[in-house]
Amino acid sequence: MPITETTEPATEPRRSALAHPPAHVLFWGLGAALLALDLWSKAKVFATLAPDEVTPVLGPLFEFRRSLNDGAVFGSFTGQTGLFVAASVLALGFVLYLFSQSGARNRVMHVALAMILSGAMGNLYDRAFMKADVIRVPTASGQIGSLIGTIVSDPGDPMIRIGEWPGGGHVRVYSADEVEVHRQGVVRDFIKFVPKFPKGFPMLGGRDVWPWVFNVADAALVVGVILLLFMTSFDRSPQRKRSA
């Protein structure tokens, strides 16, 4: 019985996204659109909403309220502006590297990377150009808290007078010996997720489901990272099967 040789069909060579104009349009276009939406929405809310005003959005789901963040995600690492800027620059470089290594038709990855790019750029812009005065004040519990606003007292004044950012209204007064003052970049947040855990829920009853105030850049960044992680985990499964 004659033996016939079989050959696997040749696969089409993988085309890089760098050499594929539609991939650039999707990546840069979506990233620019989300960045513009983030910067516009922050400017709009902070220009029209009073510092203590709360505006319901989408019924009981969301509300708009002004908030300034001198830290990173979830309000952590307060005051480390230089560290955040360096981390953002490294993240942007890594995103561009992943795009250059991706395939031309890997649209899901391009969407995820565009969201991460816009989120990092939106918050990086704020930290670079939105400057506020941050003072560290002792709280009733003995801890050190942060108050973000605009210093309106004159240099050499023994009292620190700080008002709301950026206009300086509703001034609070502290002794200069009791507080530390820093001038640094801050991130403008304004979206609050309203729902709370049911009161009978173990340990978390009555607490906010998502206690942090965020912005469009934060949402794009988190969704982009989750999308990228899901896509990476699904892409590995066919590779494992082929290896087996």
Protein backbone atom coordinates (compact mmCIF):
# COMPACT_ATOMS: atom_id res chain seq x y z
CA MET A 1 0.00 0.00 0.00
CA PRO A 2 1.64 3.26 -1.06
CA ILE A 3 2.53 5.75 1.60
CA THR A 4 1.40 9.27 0.89
CA GLU A 5 2.93 12.30 2.51
CA THR A 6 0.68 14.91 4.01
CA THR A 7 1.71 18.48 4.62
CA GLU A 8 -0.02 21.04 6.79
CA PRO A 9 -1.36 24.03 4.92
CA ALA A 10 0.87 27.05 5.14
CA THR A 11 -0.41 29.66 7.52
CA GLU A 12 -0.62 33.26 6.52
CA PRO A 13 2.19 35.29 8.11
CA ARG A 14 1.08 37.41 11.04
CA ARG A 15 0.83 41.07 10.16
CA SER A 16 1.92 43.63 12.74
CA ALA A 17 -0.42 46.37 13.91
CA LEU A 18 2.30 48.92 13.16
CA ALA A 19 1.92 48.20 9.43
CA HIS A 20 -1.89 48.19 9.50
CA PRO A 21 -3.55 51.66 9.19
CA PRO A 22 -6.98 50.53 10.48
CA ALA A 23 -5.33 49.30 13.69
CA HIS A 24 -3.80 52.76 14.18
CA VAL A 25 -7.16 54.42 13.55
CA LEU A 26 -8.86 52.26 16.17
CA PHE A 27 -6.08 52.55 18.77
CA TRP A 28 -5.29 56.26 18.47
CA GLY A 29 -8.83 57.34 17.58
CA LEU A 30 -10.51 55.63 20.53
CA GLY A 31 -7.73 56.71 22.89
CA ALA A 32 -8.02 60.35 21.81
CA ALA A 33 -11.83 60.29 22.06
CA LEU A 34 -11.80 58.88 25.60
CA LEU A 35 -9.07 61.32 26.66
CA ALA A 36 -11.09 64.24 25.30
CA LEU A 37 -14.21 62.98 27.10
CA ASP A 38 -12.29 62.68 30.37
CA LEU A 39 -10.77 66.17 30.25
CA TRP A 40 -14.00 67.78 29.04
CA SER A 41 -16.16 66.10 31.69
CA LYS A 42 -13.81 67.07 34.53
CA ALA A 43 -13.62 70.68 33.36
CA LYS A 44 -17.41 70.85 32.88
CA VAL A 45 -18.30 69.43 36.28
CA PHE A 46 -15.79 71.53 38.22
CA ALA A 47 -16.93 74.66 36.39
CA THR A 48 -20.68 74.17 36.93
CA LEU A 49 -20.98 72.16 40.16
CA ALA A 50 -20.61 73.88 43.55
CA PRO A 51 -18.07 72.30 45.94
CA ASP A 52 -20.80 70.85 48.20
CA GLU A 53 -23.37 70.18 45.47
CA VAL A 54 -24.51 66.67 44.57
CA THR A 55 -26.31 65.93 41.29
CA PRO A 56 -28.06 62.54 40.79
CA VAL A 57 -27.31 60.80 37.47
CA LEU A 58 -29.08 57.72 36.08
CA GLY A 59 -31.53 57.55 38.95
CA PRO A 60 -30.20 55.77 42.04
CA LEU A 61 -27.03 54.48 40.38
CA PHE A 62 -24.65 57.42 40.13
CA GLU A 63 -24.24 60.98 41.31
CA PHE A 64 -21.83 63.78 40.47
CA ARG A 65 -19.87 65.42 43.29
CA ARG A 66 -16.57 67.28 43.22
CA SER A 67 -13.57 65.56 44.79
CA LEU A 68 -9.80 66.03 44.56
CA ASN A 69 -7.38 63.13 44.93
CA ASP A 70 -3.76 63.74 45.88
CA GLY A 71 -3.00 60.02 45.79
CA ALA A 72 -3.26 57.10 43.41
CA VAL A 73 -6.09 54.65 42.80
CA PHE A 74 -8.44 54.28 45.82
CA GLY A 75 -6.76 57.35 47.37
CA SER A 76 -3.61 55.43 48.29
CA PHE A 77 -0.04 56.78 48.46
CA THR A 78 -1.08 60.37 49.05
CA GLY A 79 1.45 63.03 48.15
CA GLN A 80 3.65 60.86 45.92
CA THR A 81 3.11 62.94 42.78
CA GLY A 82 6.57 62.31 41.32
CA LEU A 83 6.14 58.57 41.74
CA PHE A 84 2.74 58.68 40.01
CA VAL A 85 4.09 60.65 37.06
CA ALA A 86 7.00 58.24 36.61
CA ALA A 87 4.67 55.23 36.86
CA SER A 88 2.31 56.78 34.30
CA VAL A 89 5.15 57.37 31.84
CA LEU A 90 6.32 53.76 32.24
CA ALA A 91 2.76 52.51 31.76
CA LEU A 92 2.39 54.55 28.57
CA GLY A 93 5.64 53.11 27.22
CA PHE A 94 4.46 49.59 28.03
CA VAL A 95 1.11 50.18 26.30
CA LEU A 96 2.85 51.41 23.15
CA TYR A 97 5.15 48.37 23.26
CA LEU A 98 2.19 45.98 23.51
CA PHE A 99 0.51 47.71 20.57
CA SER A 100 3.67 47.39 18.46
CA GLN A 101 3.84 43.67 19.24
CA SER A 102 0.16 42.95 18.59
CA GLY A 103 -1.36 41.55 15.44
CA ALA A 104 -3.12 43.73 12.90
CA ARG A 105 -6.51 42.12 13.50
CA ASN A 106 -6.31 41.90 17.29
CA ARG A 107 -8.99 44.55 17.72
CA VAL A 108 -9.96 43.57 21.26
CA MET A 109 -6.40 44.18 22.43
CA HIS A 110 -6.31 47.51 20.58
CA VAL A 111 -9.52 48.61 22.31
CA ALA A 112 -8.15 47.58 25.73
CA LEU A 113 -4.83 49.33 25.12
CA ALA A 114 -6.61 52.49 23.91
CA MET A 115 -8.65 52.57 27.13
CA ILE A 116 -5.54 52.12 29.27
CA LEU A 117 -3.72 54.80 27.26
CA SER A 118 -6.53 57.34 27.67
CA GLY A 119 -6.90 56.61 31.39
CA ALA A 120 -3.21 57.01 32.10
CA MET A 121 -3.00 60.17 29.99
CA GLY A 122 -6.08 61.75 31.59
CA ASN A 123 -4.82 61.41 35.14
CA LEU A 124 -1.25 62.26 34.11
CA TYR A 125 -2.54 65.54 32.67
CA ASP A 126 -4.20 66.43 35.97
CA ARG A 127 -1.14 65.63 38.06
CA ALA A 128 1.02 67.74 35.75
CA PHE A 129 -1.23 70.81 35.38
CA MET A 130 -3.89 70.81 38.15
CA LYS A 131 -2.00 72.22 41.15
CA ALA A 132 -3.53 72.57 44.60
CA ASP A 133 -2.39 73.19 48.17
CA VAL A 134 -2.48 70.08 50.35
CA ILE A 135 -2.17 70.37 54.10
CA ARG A 136 -1.80 67.53 56.57
CA VAL A 137 -4.03 68.12 59.59
CA PRO A 138 -4.54 66.08 62.78
CA THR A 139 -7.98 64.48 63.09
CA ALA A 140 -10.12 63.76 66.16
CA SER A 141 -8.92 60.13 66.16
CA GLY A 142 -5.29 61.21 66.34
CA GLN A 143 -4.56 60.33 62.72
CA ILE A 144 -3.19 62.68 60.07
CA GLY A 145 -5.69 63.64 57.37
CA SER A 146 -5.38 65.63 54.15
CA LEU A 147 -7.23 68.77 53.20
CA ILE A 148 -6.96 69.94 49.59
CA GLY A 149 -7.72 73.50 48.55
CA THR A 150 -6.16 76.91 47.89
CA ILE A 151 -4.06 78.81 50.44
CA VAL A 152 -5.39 82.37 50.77
CA SER A 153 -3.27 83.55 53.72
CA ASP A 154 -0.30 85.86 53.19
CA PRO A 155 3.29 84.59 53.51
CA GLY A 156 4.48 84.87 57.09
CA ASP A 157 0.96 84.71 58.53
CA PRO A 158 1.03 82.54 61.69
CA MET A 159 -2.34 81.11 60.62
CA ILE A 160 -2.87 78.95 57.53
CA ARG A 161 -6.05 79.96 55.76
CA ILE A 162 -7.14 77.44 53.15
CA GLY A 163 -10.22 77.71 50.97
CA GLU A 164 -11.91 75.43 48.47
CA TRP A 165 -10.13 74.69 45.21
CA PRO A 166 -9.70 76.61 42.99
CA GLY A 167 -11.50 79.82 44.05
CA GLY A 168 -10.60 79.83 47.74
CA GLY A 169 -14.12 80.11 49.21
CA HIS A 170 -15.30 78.70 52.57
CA VAL A 171 -11.99 79.37 54.30
CA ARG A 172 -10.74 77.18 57.14
CA VAL A 173 -8.07 78.39 59.54
CA TYR A 174 -5.29 76.35 61.12
CA SER A 175 -2.21 77.22 63.11
CA ALA A 176 0.91 77.13 60.97
CA ASP A 177 2.66 75.13 63.70
CA GLU A 178 0.11 72.32 63.52
CA VAL A 179 0.01 71.57 59.81
CA GLU A 180 2.28 70.80 56.85
CA VAL A 181 1.61 72.48 53.51
CA HIS A 182 2.50 71.04 50.10
CA ARG A 183 1.86 72.37 46.60
CA GLN A 184 1.30 69.46 44.23
CA GLY A 185 -0.69 68.03 41.36
CA VAL A 186 -4.11 66.53 42.09
CA VAL A 187 -6.62 64.49 40.10
CA ARG A 188 -10.19 65.74 39.60
CA ASP A 189 -12.80 63.08 40.44
CA PHE A 190 -16.57 63.49 40.30
CA ILE A 191 -18.41 60.18 39.70
CA LYS A 192 -19.84 58.38 42.75
CA PHE A 193 -21.48 54.94 42.61
CA VAL A 194 -24.46 55.26 44.95
CA PRO A 195 -25.75 51.72 45.81
CA LYS A 196 -24.94 50.25 49.21
CA PHE A 197 -24.79 46.69 50.50
CA PRO A 198 -28.05 45.51 52.11
CA LYS A 199 -28.14 46.05 55.87
CA GLY A 200 -28.26 42.31 56.50
CA PHE A 201 -25.15 41.68 54.40
CA PRO A 202 -22.34 40.12 56.54
CA MET A 203 -19.73 42.68 57.69
CA LEU A 204 -20.51 45.09 54.83
CA GLY A 205 -24.17 45.85 55.51
CA GLY A 206 -25.02 49.49 54.92
CA ARG A 207 -21.63 50.34 53.41
CA ASP A 208 -21.03 51.68 49.91
CA VAL A 209 -20.53 49.02 47.25
CA TRP A 210 -17.87 51.28 45.70
CA PRO A 211 -16.83 53.94 48.25
CA TRP A 212 -14.39 55.83 46.03
CA VAL A 213 -15.13 58.81 43.79
CA PHE A 214 -13.67 58.36 40.31
CA ASN A 215 -13.60 59.90 36.82
CA VAL A 216 -13.78 58.81 33.18
CA ALA A 217 -10.02 58.14 33.07
CA ASP A 218 -10.25 55.78 36.07
CA ALA A 219 -13.18 53.90 34.52
CA ALA A 220 -11.40 53.53 31.17
CA LEU A 221 -8.20 52.38 32.86
CA VAL A 222 -9.90 49.73 35.03
CA VAL A 223 -12.10 48.39 32.21
CA GLY A 224 -9.12 48.30 29.84
CA VAL A 225 -6.97 46.32 32.29
CA ILE A 226 -9.80 43.85 33.00
CA LEU A 227 -10.45 43.41 29.28
CA LEU A 228 -6.75 42.85 28.64
CA LEU A 229 -6.50 40.24 31.43
CA PHE A 230 -9.57 38.34 30.20
CA MET A 231 -8.31 38.38 26.64
CA THR A 232 -4.88 37.14 27.70
CA SER A 233 -6.35 34.27 29.72
CA PHE A 234 -8.57 33.17 26.81
CA ASP A 235 -5.70 33.42 24.32
CA ARG A 236 -3.59 31.05 26.41
CA SER A 237 -6.13 28.20 26.30
CA PRO A 238 -5.77 27.40 22.56
CA GLN A 239 -1.99 27.57 22.93
CA ARG A 240 -2.08 24.98 25.73
CA LYS A 241 -4.28 22.69 23.61
CA ARG A 242 -1.94 22.96 20.62
CA SER A 243 1.05 22.21 22.86
CA ALA A 244 -0.66 19.12 24.26
